[in-house]
N, C-alpha and C. Protein backbone atom coordinates (compact mmCIF):
# COMPACT_ATOMS: atom_id res chain seq x y z
N MET A 1 0.83 -1.17 0.00
CA MET A 1 0.00 0.00 0.00
C MET A 1 0.88 1.24 0.00
N GLN A 2 0.40 2.27 -0.65
CA GLN A 2 1.07 3.56 -0.64
C GLN A 2 0.15 4.56 0.05
N ALA A 3 0.75 5.48 0.79
CA ALA A 3 -0.01 6.53 1.46
C ALA A 3 0.64 7.87 1.15
N SER A 4 -0.18 8.85 0.80
CA SER A 4 0.33 10.20 0.57
C SER A 4 -0.51 11.18 1.37
N LEU A 5 0.09 12.30 1.72
CA LEU A 5 -0.57 13.29 2.56
C LEU A 5 -0.56 14.64 1.86
N THR A 6 -1.72 15.29 1.84
CA THR A 6 -1.82 16.68 1.38
C THR A 6 -2.60 17.45 2.43
N VAL A 7 -2.28 18.72 2.57
CA VAL A 7 -2.95 19.57 3.55
C VAL A 7 -3.40 20.84 2.85
N ALA A 8 -4.67 21.18 3.01
CA ALA A 8 -5.20 22.41 2.43
C ALA A 8 -6.44 22.82 3.20
N GLU A 9 -6.55 24.10 3.46
CA GLU A 9 -7.75 24.69 4.08
C GLU A 9 -8.18 23.97 5.36
N GLY A 10 -7.23 23.66 6.21
CA GLY A 10 -7.55 23.05 7.50
C GLY A 10 -7.88 21.58 7.45
N ARG A 11 -7.66 20.94 6.31
CA ARG A 11 -7.96 19.52 6.18
C ARG A 11 -6.71 18.78 5.69
N ALA A 12 -6.35 17.73 6.41
CA ALA A 12 -5.27 16.84 6.00
C ALA A 12 -5.91 15.63 5.32
N VAL A 13 -5.51 15.35 4.10
CA VAL A 13 -6.07 14.23 3.35
C VAL A 13 -4.99 13.17 3.18
N ILE A 14 -5.30 11.98 3.66
CA ILE A 14 -4.41 10.83 3.51
C ILE A 14 -4.99 9.96 2.41
N ARG A 15 -4.30 9.89 1.29
CA ARG A 15 -4.76 9.07 0.16
C ARG A 15 -4.05 7.72 0.20
N LEU A 16 -4.85 6.67 0.25
CA LEU A 16 -4.31 5.32 0.31
C LEU A 16 -4.50 4.65 -1.05
N GLN A 17 -3.56 3.78 -1.39
CA GLN A 17 -3.63 3.08 -2.66
C GLN A 17 -3.13 1.66 -2.48
N GLY A 18 -3.93 0.69 -2.96
CA GLY A 18 -3.53 -0.71 -2.89
C GLY A 18 -4.29 -1.47 -1.83
N ARG A 19 -3.65 -2.48 -1.27
CA ARG A 19 -4.26 -3.32 -0.24
C ARG A 19 -4.01 -2.71 1.14
N PHE A 20 -5.08 -2.46 1.87
CA PHE A 20 -4.99 -1.90 3.21
C PHE A 20 -5.17 -3.05 4.19
N ASP A 21 -4.06 -3.63 4.61
CA ASP A 21 -4.07 -4.75 5.54
C ASP A 21 -2.92 -4.60 6.53
N PHE A 22 -2.66 -5.63 7.31
CA PHE A 22 -1.64 -5.53 8.35
C PHE A 22 -0.28 -5.14 7.78
N ASN A 23 0.04 -5.57 6.59
CA ASN A 23 1.33 -5.24 5.99
C ASN A 23 1.49 -3.74 5.73
N ALA A 24 0.40 -3.00 5.76
CA ALA A 24 0.43 -1.57 5.49
C ALA A 24 0.51 -0.73 6.77
N HIS A 25 0.62 -1.38 7.92
CA HIS A 25 0.54 -0.62 9.17
C HIS A 25 1.63 0.43 9.31
N ARG A 26 2.83 0.16 8.84
CA ARG A 26 3.92 1.13 8.98
C ARG A 26 3.64 2.39 8.13
N GLU A 27 3.29 2.19 6.87
CA GLU A 27 3.00 3.35 6.01
C GLU A 27 1.82 4.15 6.53
N PHE A 28 0.78 3.44 6.98
CA PHE A 28 -0.40 4.12 7.49
C PHE A 28 -0.06 4.92 8.75
N ARG A 29 0.68 4.31 9.66
CA ARG A 29 1.05 4.98 10.90
C ARG A 29 1.88 6.23 10.61
N GLU A 30 2.85 6.12 9.72
CA GLU A 30 3.70 7.27 9.39
C GLU A 30 2.87 8.41 8.79
N ALA A 31 1.96 8.07 7.88
CA ALA A 31 1.12 9.10 7.25
C ALA A 31 0.18 9.74 8.27
N THR A 32 -0.39 8.94 9.14
CA THR A 32 -1.33 9.51 10.12
C THR A 32 -0.60 10.34 11.17
N GLU A 33 0.59 9.93 11.55
CA GLU A 33 1.35 10.74 12.52
C GLU A 33 1.71 12.10 11.93
N ARG A 34 2.10 12.12 10.64
CA ARG A 34 2.37 13.40 9.98
C ARG A 34 1.11 14.25 9.93
N ALA A 35 -0.02 13.63 9.61
CA ALA A 35 -1.29 14.36 9.51
C ALA A 35 -1.70 14.93 10.86
N LEU A 36 -1.52 14.16 11.92
CA LEU A 36 -1.89 14.63 13.26
C LEU A 36 -1.00 15.79 13.72
N ARG A 37 0.23 15.85 13.23
CA ARG A 37 1.14 16.93 13.61
C ARG A 37 0.91 18.21 12.83
N GLU A 38 0.17 18.15 11.74
CA GLU A 38 -0.04 19.32 10.89
C GLU A 38 -0.76 20.42 11.67
N ALA A 39 -0.10 21.54 11.82
CA ALA A 39 -0.71 22.67 12.52
C ALA A 39 -1.88 23.20 11.71
N GLY A 40 -2.97 23.44 12.38
CA GLY A 40 -4.13 24.02 11.73
C GLY A 40 -5.07 23.02 11.08
N ALA A 41 -4.69 21.77 10.99
CA ALA A 41 -5.58 20.76 10.40
C ALA A 41 -6.57 20.30 11.47
N LYS A 42 -7.82 20.64 11.29
CA LYS A 42 -8.86 20.25 12.25
C LYS A 42 -9.58 18.99 11.80
N GLU A 43 -9.41 18.64 10.53
CA GLU A 43 -10.06 17.44 10.00
C GLU A 43 -9.04 16.57 9.29
N LEU A 44 -9.14 15.28 9.53
CA LEU A 44 -8.35 14.31 8.81
C LEU A 44 -9.32 13.53 7.92
N ARG A 45 -8.99 13.44 6.65
CA ARG A 45 -9.83 12.67 5.73
C ARG A 45 -8.98 11.55 5.17
N VAL A 46 -9.50 10.33 5.25
CA VAL A 46 -8.82 9.17 4.68
C VAL A 46 -9.54 8.85 3.36
N ASP A 47 -8.83 9.04 2.27
CA ASP A 47 -9.39 8.82 0.94
C ASP A 47 -9.11 7.38 0.52
N LEU A 48 -10.18 6.61 0.38
CA LEU A 48 -10.06 5.18 0.08
C LEU A 48 -10.39 4.86 -1.38
N ALA A 49 -10.41 5.86 -2.25
CA ALA A 49 -10.79 5.66 -3.66
C ALA A 49 -9.95 4.60 -4.35
N ASP A 50 -8.67 4.53 -4.03
CA ASP A 50 -7.77 3.60 -4.71
C ASP A 50 -7.40 2.39 -3.86
N VAL A 51 -8.21 2.12 -2.83
CA VAL A 51 -8.00 0.92 -2.01
C VAL A 51 -8.83 -0.20 -2.60
N GLU A 52 -8.17 -1.31 -2.92
CA GLU A 52 -8.88 -2.42 -3.54
C GLU A 52 -9.32 -3.47 -2.53
N TYR A 53 -8.75 -3.41 -1.30
CA TYR A 53 -9.04 -4.44 -0.30
C TYR A 53 -8.70 -3.88 1.06
N LEU A 54 -9.52 -4.18 2.06
CA LEU A 54 -9.16 -3.90 3.45
C LEU A 54 -9.65 -5.02 4.33
N ASP A 55 -8.95 -5.25 5.42
CA ASP A 55 -9.31 -6.33 6.32
C ASP A 55 -9.51 -5.81 7.74
N SER A 56 -9.68 -6.72 8.68
CA SER A 56 -9.97 -6.32 10.06
C SER A 56 -8.84 -5.53 10.69
N SER A 57 -7.60 -5.79 10.31
CA SER A 57 -6.50 -5.00 10.87
C SER A 57 -6.58 -3.56 10.37
N ALA A 58 -7.03 -3.35 9.13
CA ALA A 58 -7.23 -1.99 8.62
C ALA A 58 -8.32 -1.29 9.40
N LEU A 59 -9.38 -2.00 9.73
CA LEU A 59 -10.45 -1.41 10.54
C LEU A 59 -9.89 -0.98 11.90
N GLY A 60 -9.05 -1.81 12.48
CA GLY A 60 -8.43 -1.47 13.75
C GLY A 60 -7.55 -0.24 13.64
N MET A 61 -6.80 -0.13 12.55
CA MET A 61 -5.95 1.05 12.35
C MET A 61 -6.79 2.32 12.22
N LEU A 62 -7.92 2.22 11.54
CA LEU A 62 -8.82 3.38 11.42
C LEU A 62 -9.38 3.77 12.79
N LEU A 63 -9.72 2.78 13.60
CA LEU A 63 -10.23 3.08 14.95
C LEU A 63 -9.16 3.73 15.82
N MET A 64 -7.92 3.27 15.70
CA MET A 64 -6.83 3.88 16.46
C MET A 64 -6.62 5.32 16.01
N LEU A 65 -6.70 5.56 14.70
CA LEU A 65 -6.58 6.93 14.19
C LEU A 65 -7.69 7.80 14.76
N ARG A 66 -8.90 7.28 14.79
CA ARG A 66 -10.04 8.04 15.33
C ARG A 66 -9.78 8.44 16.78
N ASP A 67 -9.27 7.52 17.59
CA ASP A 67 -8.98 7.81 19.00
C ASP A 67 -7.88 8.86 19.14
N LYS A 68 -6.81 8.74 18.36
CA LYS A 68 -5.72 9.71 18.42
C LYS A 68 -6.18 11.09 17.96
N ALA A 69 -7.00 11.12 16.91
CA ALA A 69 -7.50 12.40 16.40
C ALA A 69 -8.42 13.06 17.43
N LYS A 70 -9.25 12.26 18.07
CA LYS A 70 -10.14 12.82 19.08
C LYS A 70 -9.34 13.44 20.22
N ALA A 71 -8.28 12.77 20.63
CA ALA A 71 -7.42 13.30 21.69
C ALA A 71 -6.75 14.60 21.27
N ALA A 72 -6.53 14.78 19.95
CA ALA A 72 -5.90 15.99 19.42
C ALA A 72 -6.93 17.02 18.96
N ASN A 73 -8.20 16.78 19.29
CA ASN A 73 -9.28 17.71 18.92
C ASN A 73 -9.46 17.81 17.41
N GLN A 74 -9.30 16.69 16.73
CA GLN A 74 -9.48 16.64 15.28
C GLN A 74 -10.54 15.60 14.95
N SER A 75 -11.21 15.80 13.83
CA SER A 75 -12.21 14.82 13.38
C SER A 75 -11.63 13.98 12.26
N VAL A 76 -12.23 12.82 12.05
CA VAL A 76 -11.78 11.92 10.98
C VAL A 76 -12.99 11.57 10.11
N SER A 77 -12.79 11.64 8.81
CA SER A 77 -13.83 11.19 7.88
C SER A 77 -13.20 10.24 6.87
N LEU A 78 -14.05 9.39 6.31
CA LEU A 78 -13.62 8.45 5.29
C LEU A 78 -14.27 8.87 3.97
N ALA A 79 -13.50 8.89 2.91
CA ALA A 79 -14.02 9.39 1.63
C ALA A 79 -13.84 8.36 0.52
N ASN A 80 -14.72 8.46 -0.46
CA ASN A 80 -14.64 7.67 -1.69
C ASN A 80 -14.61 6.17 -1.45
N CYS A 81 -15.46 5.73 -0.53
CA CYS A 81 -15.56 4.30 -0.21
C CYS A 81 -16.50 3.66 -1.23
N LYS A 82 -16.03 2.63 -1.91
CA LYS A 82 -16.87 2.01 -2.93
C LYS A 82 -16.59 0.51 -2.99
N GLY A 83 -17.50 -0.19 -3.61
CA GLY A 83 -17.32 -1.62 -3.84
C GLY A 83 -17.15 -2.42 -2.57
N ALA A 84 -16.18 -3.34 -2.61
CA ALA A 84 -15.93 -4.24 -1.48
C ALA A 84 -15.51 -3.47 -0.23
N VAL A 85 -14.79 -2.36 -0.42
CA VAL A 85 -14.36 -1.54 0.72
C VAL A 85 -15.58 -0.98 1.44
N ARG A 86 -16.52 -0.44 0.69
CA ARG A 86 -17.74 0.10 1.29
C ARG A 86 -18.53 -1.00 1.99
N GLN A 87 -18.58 -2.16 1.38
CA GLN A 87 -19.31 -3.27 1.96
C GLN A 87 -18.72 -3.68 3.32
N VAL A 88 -17.40 -3.75 3.41
CA VAL A 88 -16.76 -4.10 4.68
C VAL A 88 -17.06 -3.03 5.73
N LEU A 89 -16.98 -1.76 5.35
CA LEU A 89 -17.27 -0.68 6.29
C LEU A 89 -18.72 -0.72 6.75
N ASP A 90 -19.64 -1.04 5.85
CA ASP A 90 -21.05 -1.15 6.21
C ASP A 90 -21.30 -2.31 7.17
N ILE A 91 -20.70 -3.45 6.88
CA ILE A 91 -20.86 -4.63 7.75
C ILE A 91 -20.33 -4.34 9.15
N ALA A 92 -19.23 -3.58 9.23
CA ALA A 92 -18.62 -3.24 10.52
C ALA A 92 -19.30 -2.05 11.19
N ASN A 93 -20.36 -1.52 10.59
CA ASN A 93 -21.10 -0.36 11.13
C ASN A 93 -20.22 0.87 11.32
N PHE A 94 -19.25 1.08 10.44
CA PHE A 94 -18.37 2.22 10.56
C PHE A 94 -19.08 3.53 10.28
N GLY A 95 -20.24 3.48 9.64
CA GLY A 95 -21.02 4.68 9.42
C GLY A 95 -21.49 5.31 10.71
N LYS A 96 -21.52 4.53 11.79
CA LYS A 96 -21.90 5.06 13.11
C LYS A 96 -20.70 5.66 13.84
N LEU A 97 -19.51 5.33 13.39
CA LEU A 97 -18.29 5.77 14.07
C LEU A 97 -17.57 6.89 13.32
N PHE A 98 -17.76 6.95 12.01
CA PHE A 98 -17.07 7.91 11.15
C PHE A 98 -18.08 8.62 10.26
N THR A 99 -17.73 9.82 9.86
CA THR A 99 -18.46 10.46 8.77
C THR A 99 -17.91 9.87 7.49
N ILE A 100 -18.81 9.33 6.65
CA ILE A 100 -18.38 8.75 5.38
C ILE A 100 -18.93 9.65 4.28
N VAL A 101 -18.01 10.22 3.50
CA VAL A 101 -18.40 11.14 2.42
C VAL A 101 -18.03 10.59 1.06
């Protein structure tokens, strides 16, 4: 998986590409730590448009990000969820935990 970070207008966007599973934990953690440190970013958005697969460890990483962001007074949203990725998020009831746009 590849992760990239952009920041604009108070929003840090983490774009993920590829398989989001346990093997991606290092890249995801590094990207989210950079996003959490961004001064002035009140919202973190995880863009899943180019994610072809995610598993339970990815769900856990998203939950950990949500907790860290909450502690830093930041919100987290998930964007461009489609196909199998959206189905996994729906089954896990992530719509109750995250804003999905």
